[in-house]
Every structure is written in structure tokens, then in C-alpha cells.
């Protein structure tokens, strides 16, 4: 669930890791308990060609690595949508059955 969420958010807007962590939380995605988990995912996704990154040097504060979705990432996001839709149908069905049983 984390990878498609990262790709979706990066499709909307390029982000640095800390900002991305906040945006994931707003989306309701369970974020790894440490930023290291998120950065490992981003690094792996970069190695796979799904995201790219560059260094941004703001006038104040430290340089930040900013992440962006690539064309391969766009394709991966598109391919993940049917399985997410299927998962949503399954969860809805389970919740409905649970509610009917109470």
C-alpha cells in the first residue's frame, strides 16, 4: 500500500521525504515508524526507476533531496489501480458481512 501511495502523491507534487511522510499520514497511509523505512522505500523505488530525485538547496536550512515520479512510476501506479480496487471491494464485502452479523 505504501508504494502506490508514494507514487500517487509524487504524481500530484514533488516532495522531500519529511514532507512526503506528512502527506502520507494525511492520506491515511500507515507510515513506517521511522523515517528510515520511508527513505529505504524511496531508495528502492529510485533503483527500480519509479522515482527520481535531485538536491534542493533552500535559502535557509539544509539541502533536501526532492523526489519526483518518473514515466515508469506513472505506469506502475496505473498498473496498481486494479489490484487496489479489488482489495477495496473485498474489504467492503467483509465489513458488510461483519455488520450484518452484529
C-alpha atoms as a PDB file:
ATOM      1  CA  UNK A   1       0.000   0.000   0.000  1.00  0.00           C
ATOM      2  CA  UNK A   2       2.916   2.355   0.680  1.00  0.00           C
ATOM      3  CA  UNK A   3       4.439   2.269  -2.804  1.00  0.00           C
ATOM      4  CA  UNK A   4       1.266   3.179  -4.739  1.00  0.00           C
ATOM      5  CA  UNK A   5       0.546   5.909  -2.192  1.00  0.00           C
ATOM      6  CA  UNK A   6       4.034   7.384  -2.647  1.00  0.00           C
ATOM      7  CA  UNK A   7       3.641   7.306  -6.421  1.00  0.00           C
ATOM      8  CA  UNK A   8       0.201   8.911  -6.237  1.00  0.00           C
ATOM      9  CA  UNK A   9       1.428  11.740  -4.027  1.00  0.00           C
ATOM     10  CA  UNK A  10       4.515  12.328  -6.165  1.00  0.00           C
ATOM     11  CA  UNK A  11       2.307  12.460  -9.246  1.00  0.00           C
ATOM     12  CA  UNK A  12       0.453  15.321  -7.557  1.00  0.00           C
ATOM     13  CA  UNK A  13       3.569  17.147  -6.379  1.00  0.00           C
ATOM     14  CA  UNK A  14       7.297  16.605  -5.996  1.00  0.00           C
ATOM     15  CA  UNK A  15       8.229  16.266  -2.314  1.00  0.00           C
ATOM     16  CA  UNK A  16      11.139  15.766   0.028  1.00  0.00           C
ATOM     17  CA  UNK A  17      10.956  12.837   2.436  1.00  0.00           C
ATOM     18  CA  UNK A  18       9.764  14.649   5.551  1.00  0.00           C
ATOM     19  CA  UNK A  19       7.013  16.430   3.631  1.00  0.00           C
ATOM     20  CA  UNK A  20       6.049  13.166   1.958  1.00  0.00           C
ATOM     21  CA  UNK A  21       5.736  11.484   5.340  1.00  0.00           C
ATOM     22  CA  UNK A  22       3.217  14.126   6.433  1.00  0.00           C
ATOM     23  CA  UNK A  23       1.261  13.844   3.199  1.00  0.00           C
ATOM     24  CA  UNK A  24       1.103  10.054   3.559  1.00  0.00           C
ATOM     25  CA  UNK A  25      -0.291  10.439   7.075  1.00  0.00           C
ATOM     26  CA  UNK A  26      -2.927  12.885   5.780  1.00  0.00           C
ATOM     27  CA  UNK A  27      -3.898  10.289   3.187  1.00  0.00           C
ATOM     28  CA  UNK A  28      -4.363   7.768   5.991  1.00  0.00           C
ATOM     29  CA  UNK A  29      -1.475   5.551   4.918  1.00  0.00           C
ATOM     30  CA  UNK A  30       0.366   3.838   7.724  1.00  0.00           C
ATOM     31  CA  UNK A  31       3.861   5.259   7.588  1.00  0.00           C
ATOM     32  CA  UNK A  32       6.874   3.254   8.793  1.00  0.00           C
ATOM     33  CA  UNK A  33       7.603   4.147  12.430  1.00  0.00           C
ATOM     34  CA  UNK A  34      10.902   5.747  11.444  1.00  0.00           C
ATOM     35  CA  UNK A  35      11.765   7.957   8.513  1.00  0.00           C
ATOM     36  CA  UNK A  36      14.404   5.358   7.634  1.00  0.00           C
ATOM     37  CA  UNK A  37      11.692   2.992   6.408  1.00  0.00           C
ATOM     38  CA  UNK A  38      10.280   5.624   4.080  1.00  0.00           C
ATOM     39  CA  UNK A  39      13.721   6.545   2.753  1.00  0.00           C
ATOM     40  CA  UNK A  40      14.538   2.865   2.141  1.00  0.00           C
ATOM     41  CA  UNK A  41      11.344   2.570   0.094  1.00  0.00           C
ATOM     42  CA  UNK A  42      12.221   5.716  -1.855  1.00  0.00           C
ATOM     43  CA  UNK A  43      15.770   4.469  -2.483  1.00  0.00           C
ATOM     44  CA  UNK A  44      14.480   1.106  -3.739  1.00  0.00           C
ATOM     45  CA  UNK A  45      11.913   2.832  -5.941  1.00  0.00           C
ATOM     46  CA  UNK A  46      14.680   5.052  -7.354  1.00  0.00           C
ATOM     47  CA  UNK A  47      16.818   1.977  -8.114  1.00  0.00           C
ATOM     48  CA  UNK A  48      13.809   0.488  -9.927  1.00  0.00           C
ATOM     49  CA  UNK A  49      13.377   3.691 -11.936  1.00  0.00           C
ATOM     50  CA  UNK A  50       9.969   4.552 -10.452  1.00  0.00           C
ATOM     51  CA  UNK A  51      11.098   7.822  -8.887  1.00  0.00           C
ATOM     52  CA  UNK A  52      13.929  10.242  -9.490  1.00  0.00           C
ATOM     53  CA  UNK A  53      15.477  12.719  -7.093  1.00  0.00           C
ATOM     54  CA  UNK A  54      17.526  15.879  -7.011  1.00  0.00           C
ATOM     55  CA  UNK A  55      19.013  18.069  -4.306  1.00  0.00           C
ATOM     56  CA  UNK A  56      17.243  21.313  -3.470  1.00  0.00           C
ATOM     57  CA  UNK A  57      19.134  23.959  -1.521  1.00  0.00           C
ATOM     58  CA  UNK A  58      16.718  26.393   0.118  1.00  0.00           C
ATOM     59  CA  UNK A  59      17.922  29.842   1.195  1.00  0.00           C
ATOM     60  CA  UNK A  60      17.623  28.714   4.797  1.00  0.00           C
ATOM     61  CA  UNK A  61      18.079  25.274   6.250  1.00  0.00           C
ATOM     62  CA  UNK A  62      19.831  22.182   4.982  1.00  0.00           C
ATOM     63  CA  UNK A  63      19.758  20.824   1.446  1.00  0.00           C
ATOM     64  CA  UNK A  64      16.926  18.384   0.833  1.00  0.00           C
ATOM     65  CA  UNK A  65      16.534  15.529  -1.588  1.00  0.00           C
ATOM     66  CA  UNK A  66      13.337  16.091  -3.560  1.00  0.00           C
ATOM     67  CA  UNK A  67      11.585  13.115  -5.156  1.00  0.00           C
ATOM     68  CA  UNK A  68       9.538  13.041  -8.356  1.00  0.00           C
ATOM     69  CA  UNK A  69       7.639  10.310 -10.171  1.00  0.00           C
ATOM     70  CA  UNK A  70       9.102   9.026 -13.452  1.00  0.00           C
ATOM     71  CA  UNK A  71       7.272   7.749 -16.505  1.00  0.00           C
ATOM     72  CA  UNK A  72       7.918   4.186 -15.267  1.00  0.00           C
ATOM     73  CA  UNK A  73       6.451   5.222 -11.928  1.00  0.00           C
ATOM     74  CA  UNK A  74       3.344   6.562 -13.694  1.00  0.00           C
ATOM     75  CA  UNK A  75       2.944   3.193 -15.432  1.00  0.00           C
ATOM     76  CA  UNK A  76       3.454   1.279 -12.177  1.00  0.00           C
ATOM     77  CA  UNK A  77       0.830   3.455 -10.488  1.00  0.00           C
ATOM     78  CA  UNK A  78      -1.629   2.791 -13.298  1.00  0.00           C
ATOM     79  CA  UNK A  79      -0.976  -0.970 -13.108  1.00  0.00           C
ATOM     80  CA  UNK A  80      -1.528  -0.986  -9.332  1.00  0.00           C
ATOM     81  CA  UNK A  81      -5.017   0.544  -9.513  1.00  0.00           C
ATOM     82  CA  UNK A  82      -6.947  -2.632 -10.494  1.00  0.00           C
ATOM     83  CA  UNK A  83      -5.498  -4.607  -7.570  1.00  0.00           C
ATOM     84  CA  UNK A  84      -6.254  -1.734  -5.169  1.00  0.00           C
ATOM     85  CA  UNK A  85      -9.825  -1.578  -6.481  1.00  0.00           C
ATOM     86  CA  UNK A  86     -10.140  -5.339  -5.963  1.00  0.00           C
ATOM     87  CA  UNK A  87      -8.799  -5.026  -2.419  1.00  0.00           C
ATOM     88  CA  UNK A  88     -11.322  -2.264  -1.715  1.00  0.00           C
ATOM     89  CA  UNK A  89     -14.209  -4.454  -2.927  1.00  0.00           C
ATOM     90  CA  UNK A  90     -13.012  -7.326  -0.728  1.00  0.00           C
ATOM     91  CA  UNK A  91     -12.704  -5.133   2.366  1.00  0.00           C
ATOM     92  CA  UNK A  92     -16.130  -3.574   1.761  1.00  0.00           C
ATOM     93  CA  UNK A  93     -17.657  -7.035   1.407  1.00  0.00           C
ATOM     94  CA  UNK A  94     -16.055  -8.215   4.637  1.00  0.00           C
ATOM     95  CA  UNK A  95     -17.192  -5.120   6.533  1.00  0.00           C
ATOM     96  CA  UNK A  96     -20.747  -5.529   5.248  1.00  0.00           C
ATOM     97  CA  UNK A  97     -20.849  -9.179   6.338  1.00  0.00           C
ATOM     98  CA  UNK A  98     -19.435  -8.266   9.724  1.00  0.00           C
ATOM     99  CA  UNK A  99     -22.065  -5.559  10.229  1.00  0.00           C
ATOM    100  CA  UNK A 100     -24.865  -7.928   9.201  1.00  0.00           C
ATOM    101  CA  UNK A 101     -23.696 -10.446  11.782  1.00  0.00           C
ATOM    102  CA  UNK A 102     -23.982  -7.965  14.678  1.00  0.00           C
END
